[in-house]
């Protein structure tokens, strides 16, 4: 579960018309071609894979990586991202991998505002939760819409299927407010607050937050964040080790892009 999509800026370079005094007609302006579509890759390791504040790895480290296709010419993008997980096994199912598949369109609205809309599928091969009493299949699809202004974004996601194995949870929603503020000397302050609403499950709904800092050295980024939730322990405690998966913690991550 993840939101791995960075903002892409379209740059258009206009060439002015060149007129000659003896020409019969003035040459028309010619615009340079927009930036070409590209594919990038990322690989990372994190001390505890937290998604919406809840540990997906039983408070243990995770290996992660993905690939992204972007076309600045039309704002379209698509990608995939994978991570090691344990949460489905903790719930009585199986599987050790999460695979996200997403695509959408982003652009500018004018006045400094940006938008990003798309679809995101979370796939957990072999999760088997549909055979576990009290659960349904963990695979989930969401539609999302994001509005940005400067370093701030507000994003709303809505589940088109049952949400992460919760029974009768279609149309669950998540509201995410985030900001990445330049703190000087190459550091960025990462701020986040979110509200997960699980349809027909008040006990599983909660608020999460993050206060972090990150520093990039070229294509490598190191991050440190304090995270926490208001989640109920009864709803988010690992059956494997009895630990509360939404407890406050410090999370360290290292990411490399190619």
Protein backbone atom coordinates (compact mmCIF):
# COMPACT_ATOMS: atom_id res chain seq x y z
CA UNK A 1 0.00 0.00 0.00
CA UNK A 2 1.60 2.91 -0.99
CA UNK A 3 1.55 6.24 -2.53
CA UNK A 4 4.66 6.31 -4.59
CA UNK A 5 3.99 9.05 -7.31
CA UNK A 6 6.13 12.20 -7.62
CA UNK A 7 4.95 15.46 -9.31
CA UNK A 8 6.16 15.90 -12.92
CA UNK A 9 6.41 19.40 -14.52
CA UNK A 10 5.80 20.03 -18.21
CA UNK A 11 8.13 22.60 -19.77
CA UNK A 12 7.33 24.13 -23.15
CA UNK A 13 10.04 26.16 -24.91
CA UNK A 14 8.62 28.58 -27.46
CA UNK A 15 10.70 29.81 -30.39
CA UNK A 16 9.90 33.30 -31.60
CA UNK A 17 9.09 34.04 -35.23
CA UNK A 18 11.99 35.12 -37.40
CA UNK A 19 11.08 37.61 -40.12
CA UNK A 20 13.22 38.78 -43.00
CA UNK A 21 12.61 42.15 -44.57
CA UNK A 22 12.55 40.65 -48.08
CA UNK A 23 10.40 37.63 -47.18
CA UNK A 24 6.97 37.40 -48.78
CA UNK A 25 5.50 35.99 -45.51
CA UNK A 26 6.51 35.98 -41.88
CA UNK A 27 7.62 32.64 -40.48
CA UNK A 28 5.20 31.11 -37.94
CA UNK A 29 6.37 30.51 -34.35
CA UNK A 30 7.65 26.98 -33.78
CA UNK A 31 7.40 25.26 -30.38
CA UNK A 32 10.01 22.82 -29.22
CA UNK A 33 8.90 19.26 -28.65
CA UNK A 34 7.82 18.49 -25.06
CA UNK A 35 9.98 16.32 -22.85
CA UNK A 36 9.96 12.69 -23.89
CA UNK A 37 8.25 9.97 -21.91
CA UNK A 38 10.56 8.10 -19.55
CA UNK A 39 10.80 5.12 -17.21
CA UNK A 40 12.45 5.31 -13.78
CA UNK A 41 13.16 2.68 -11.15
CA UNK A 42 13.46 2.74 -7.37
CA UNK A 43 14.83 0.39 -4.75
CA UNK A 44 14.70 0.84 -1.00
CA UNK A 45 14.80 -0.61 2.48
CA UNK A 46 12.80 0.59 5.48
CA UNK A 47 12.93 -0.31 9.17
CA UNK A 48 9.14 -0.81 9.38
CA UNK A 49 6.75 -0.64 6.43
CA UNK A 50 3.95 1.59 7.66
CA UNK A 51 0.92 2.17 5.44
CA UNK A 52 -1.58 4.69 6.70
CA UNK A 53 0.17 4.37 10.03
CA UNK A 54 -0.27 0.59 10.38
CA UNK A 55 2.76 -1.74 10.19
CA UNK A 56 2.55 -4.16 7.28
CA UNK A 57 5.63 -6.10 8.42
CA UNK A 58 4.99 -6.88 12.10
CA UNK A 59 7.20 -3.89 13.10
CA UNK A 60 10.11 -5.42 11.16
CA UNK A 61 12.11 -4.14 8.11
CA UNK A 62 10.96 -4.47 4.51
CA UNK A 63 12.57 -4.51 1.06
CA UNK A 64 10.79 -2.41 -1.55
CA UNK A 65 11.12 -1.43 -5.20
CA UNK A 66 9.22 -0.31 -8.25
CA UNK A 67 9.11 1.18 -11.73
CA UNK A 68 7.31 4.28 -13.05
CA UNK A 69 6.42 5.43 -16.57
CA UNK A 70 5.66 9.13 -17.05
CA UNK A 71 4.73 11.15 -20.13
CA UNK A 72 5.16 14.90 -19.50
CA UNK A 73 3.49 15.62 -22.82
CA UNK A 74 0.03 14.57 -21.67
CA UNK A 75 0.47 14.09 -17.91
CA UNK A 76 -0.25 10.37 -18.04
CA UNK A 77 1.64 7.94 -15.81
CA UNK A 78 1.61 4.30 -14.76
CA UNK A 79 3.71 2.13 -12.51
CA UNK A 80 4.13 -0.80 -10.22
CA UNK A 81 5.64 -1.16 -6.75
CA UNK A 82 6.41 -4.18 -4.55
CA UNK A 83 7.20 -4.72 -0.89
CA UNK A 84 7.69 -7.60 1.49
CA UNK A 85 4.82 -7.95 4.00
CA UNK A 86 3.57 -10.19 6.81
CA UNK A 87 0.14 -8.75 7.67
CA UNK A 88 -1.89 -11.22 5.57
CA UNK A 89 -0.14 -14.14 7.24
CA UNK A 90 -0.72 -12.54 10.66
CA UNK A 91 -4.45 -12.48 9.89
CA UNK A 92 -4.47 -16.22 9.23
CA UNK A 93 -3.87 -16.15 5.49
CA UNK A 94 -0.64 -16.34 3.55
CA UNK A 95 1.65 -14.54 1.13
CA UNK A 96 4.75 -12.45 1.66
CA UNK A 97 4.52 -9.85 -1.11
CA UNK A 98 2.42 -6.79 -1.90
CA UNK A 99 2.26 -5.63 -5.52
CA UNK A 100 0.71 -2.27 -6.37
CA UNK A 101 -0.36 -1.38 -9.91
CA UNK A 102 -1.45 2.18 -10.63
CA UNK A 103 -2.08 4.70 -13.38
CA UNK A 104 -3.50 8.16 -13.78
CA UNK A 105 -3.12 11.68 -15.03
CA UNK A 106 -1.67 14.79 -13.42
CA UNK A 107 -1.35 18.39 -14.48
CA UNK A 108 -1.87 22.05 -13.64
CA UNK A 109 -5.17 23.80 -12.99
CA UNK A 110 -3.84 27.36 -13.00
CA UNK A 111 -3.27 29.77 -10.15
CA UNK A 112 -0.60 27.50 -8.71
CA UNK A 113 -2.95 24.54 -8.22
CA UNK A 114 -2.21 21.02 -9.49
CA UNK A 115 -4.29 17.86 -9.78
CA UNK A 116 -3.68 14.12 -9.85
CA UNK A 117 -6.38 11.50 -10.48
CA UNK A 118 -6.09 7.77 -11.00
CA UNK A 119 -6.69 4.17 -10.02
CA UNK A 120 -4.60 1.98 -7.70
CA UNK A 121 -4.76 -1.77 -7.23
CA UNK A 122 -3.22 -3.58 -4.25
CA UNK A 123 -2.51 -7.22 -5.03
CA UNK A 124 -1.44 -9.78 -2.39
CA UNK A 125 -0.62 -13.05 -4.19
CA UNK A 126 -1.67 -16.10 -2.19
CA UNK A 127 -3.20 -14.04 0.63
CA UNK A 128 -5.97 -16.63 1.08
CA UNK A 129 -7.96 -14.33 3.39
CA UNK A 130 -11.17 -15.24 1.63
CA UNK A 131 -10.94 -18.64 3.32
CA UNK A 132 -10.35 -17.20 6.80
CA UNK A 133 -13.47 -16.67 8.96
CA UNK A 134 -14.20 -12.97 9.44
CA UNK A 135 -12.24 -11.85 6.35
CA UNK A 136 -12.60 -11.53 2.59
CA UNK A 137 -9.92 -11.53 -0.10
CA UNK A 138 -7.31 -8.88 0.70
CA UNK A 139 -6.86 -7.60 -2.87
CA UNK A 140 -8.16 -4.04 -3.08
CA UNK A 141 -8.84 -1.40 -5.74
CA UNK A 142 -9.11 2.33 -5.05
CA UNK A 143 -9.83 5.47 -7.04
CA UNK A 144 -8.13 8.67 -5.91
CA UNK A 145 -8.10 12.41 -6.57
CA UNK A 146 -5.48 14.85 -5.31
CA UNK A 147 -5.36 18.65 -5.24
CA UNK A 148 -2.03 20.37 -4.68
CA UNK A 149 -0.87 23.90 -4.01
CA UNK A 150 2.84 24.61 -3.55
CA UNK A 151 4.28 22.05 -1.13
CA UNK A 152 0.83 21.01 0.19
CA UNK A 153 -1.52 18.31 -1.05
CA UNK A 154 -4.95 16.96 -0.13
CA UNK A 155 -5.83 13.50 -1.43
CA UNK A 156 -9.04 11.49 -1.21
CA UNK A 157 -9.13 7.74 -1.90
CA UNK A 158 -12.25 5.57 -2.14
CA UNK A 159 -12.32 1.76 -2.19
CA UNK A 160 -14.05 0.25 -5.23
CA UNK A 161 -13.88 -3.18 -3.57
CA UNK A 162 -13.71 -4.48 -0.02
CA UNK A 163 -10.79 -2.86 1.79
CA UNK A 164 -7.78 -5.03 2.71
CA UNK A 165 -9.82 -8.02 3.81
CA UNK A 166 -12.49 -6.24 5.88
CA UNK A 167 -15.95 -7.72 5.33
CA UNK A 168 -18.58 -5.49 3.65
CA UNK A 169 -16.11 -2.57 3.48
CA UNK A 170 -16.62 -1.36 -0.09
CA UNK A 171 -16.59 2.47 -0.36
CA UNK A 172 -14.24 2.84 2.60
CA UNK A 173 -12.29 6.09 2.29
CA UNK A 174 -9.02 7.72 3.23
CA UNK A 175 -8.34 11.47 3.44
CA UNK A 176 -4.67 12.44 3.36
CA UNK A 177 -3.26 15.93 4.08
CA UNK A 178 0.49 16.25 3.47
CA UNK A 179 3.24 18.81 3.07
CA UNK A 180 6.93 18.65 2.16
CA UNK A 181 8.53 21.85 3.41
CA UNK A 182 12.06 22.98 2.54
CA UNK A 183 13.94 23.15 5.85
CA UNK A 184 17.20 24.43 4.35
CA UNK A 185 20.63 22.84 3.96
CA UNK A 186 19.13 20.13 1.74
CA UNK A 187 16.64 18.89 4.34
CA UNK A 188 12.89 18.53 3.77
CA UNK A 189 10.31 18.45 6.55
CA UNK A 190 7.67 15.78 5.83
CA UNK A 191 4.26 16.40 7.43
CA UNK A 192 1.21 14.16 7.17
CA UNK A 193 -2.18 13.54 8.78
CA UNK A 194 -4.77 11.08 7.51
CA UNK A 195 -8.15 9.62 8.37
CA UNK A 196 -8.99 6.03 7.48
CA UNK A 197 -12.72 5.30 7.46
CA UNK A 198 -13.57 1.61 7.22
CA UNK A 199 -17.15 1.19 6.02
CA UNK A 200 -19.39 -0.59 8.54
CA UNK A 201 -16.51 -0.96 11.03
CA UNK A 202 -16.21 1.88 13.54
CA UNK A 203 -13.60 0.00 15.59
CA UNK A 204 -11.31 -0.31 12.56
CA UNK A 205 -11.46 3.39 11.63
CA UNK A 206 -8.71 5.66 12.91
CA UNK A 207 -6.47 8.71 12.37
CA UNK A 208 -2.75 8.52 11.62
CA UNK A 209 0.05 11.09 11.54
CA UNK A 210 3.70 11.48 10.58
CA UNK A 211 6.40 14.02 11.38
CA UNK A 212 9.57 13.35 9.45
CA UNK A 213 12.67 14.76 7.81
CA UNK A 214 14.46 13.62 4.66
CA UNK A 215 17.73 14.45 2.94
CA UNK A 216 18.68 13.66 -0.65
CA UNK A 217 22.18 13.07 -1.99
CA UNK A 218 21.70 12.86 -5.72
CA UNK A 219 19.50 9.85 -6.43
CA UNK A 220 19.69 8.54 -2.85
CA UNK A 221 17.31 9.73 -0.11
CA UNK A 222 17.54 9.03 3.61
CA UNK A 223 14.42 9.59 5.74
CA UNK A 224 13.54 9.52 9.43
CA UNK A 225 9.96 9.83 10.68
CA UNK A 226 7.94 9.61 13.87
CA UNK A 227 4.61 7.92 13.15
CA UNK A 228 1.54 7.09 15.17
CA UNK A 229 -2.19 6.35 15.06
CA UNK A 230 -5.37 6.41 17.10
CA UNK A 231 -6.18 2.87 15.94
CA UNK A 232 -7.79 0.43 18.35
CA UNK A 233 -5.39 -2.25 19.58
CA UNK A 234 -8.12 -4.88 19.32
CA UNK A 235 -8.39 -4.25 15.57
CA UNK A 236 -4.69 -3.95 14.72
CA UNK A 237 -2.73 -6.34 16.95
CA UNK A 238 -0.52 -8.99 15.35
CA UNK A 239 -1.73 -12.52 16.01
CA UNK A 240 1.85 -13.73 15.54
CA UNK A 241 3.58 -11.77 18.30
CA UNK A 242 0.79 -9.86 20.08
CA UNK A 243 2.29 -6.46 19.22
CA UNK A 244 0.12 -3.44 18.43
CA UNK A 245 0.79 -2.58 14.77
CA UNK A 246 -0.37 1.04 15.06
CA UNK A 247 1.81 2.09 17.97
CA UNK A 248 4.06 5.16 17.91
CA UNK A 249 7.50 4.51 16.43
CA UNK A 250 10.52 5.94 14.62
CA UNK A 251 10.93 4.69 11.06
CA UNK A 252 14.14 4.96 9.03
CA UNK A 253 14.22 4.52 5.26
CA UNK A 254 16.77 4.54 2.44
CA UNK A 255 15.65 4.96 -1.19
CA UNK A 256 17.63 4.92 -4.43
CA UNK A 257 16.18 5.95 -7.81
CA UNK A 258 17.58 5.02 -11.22
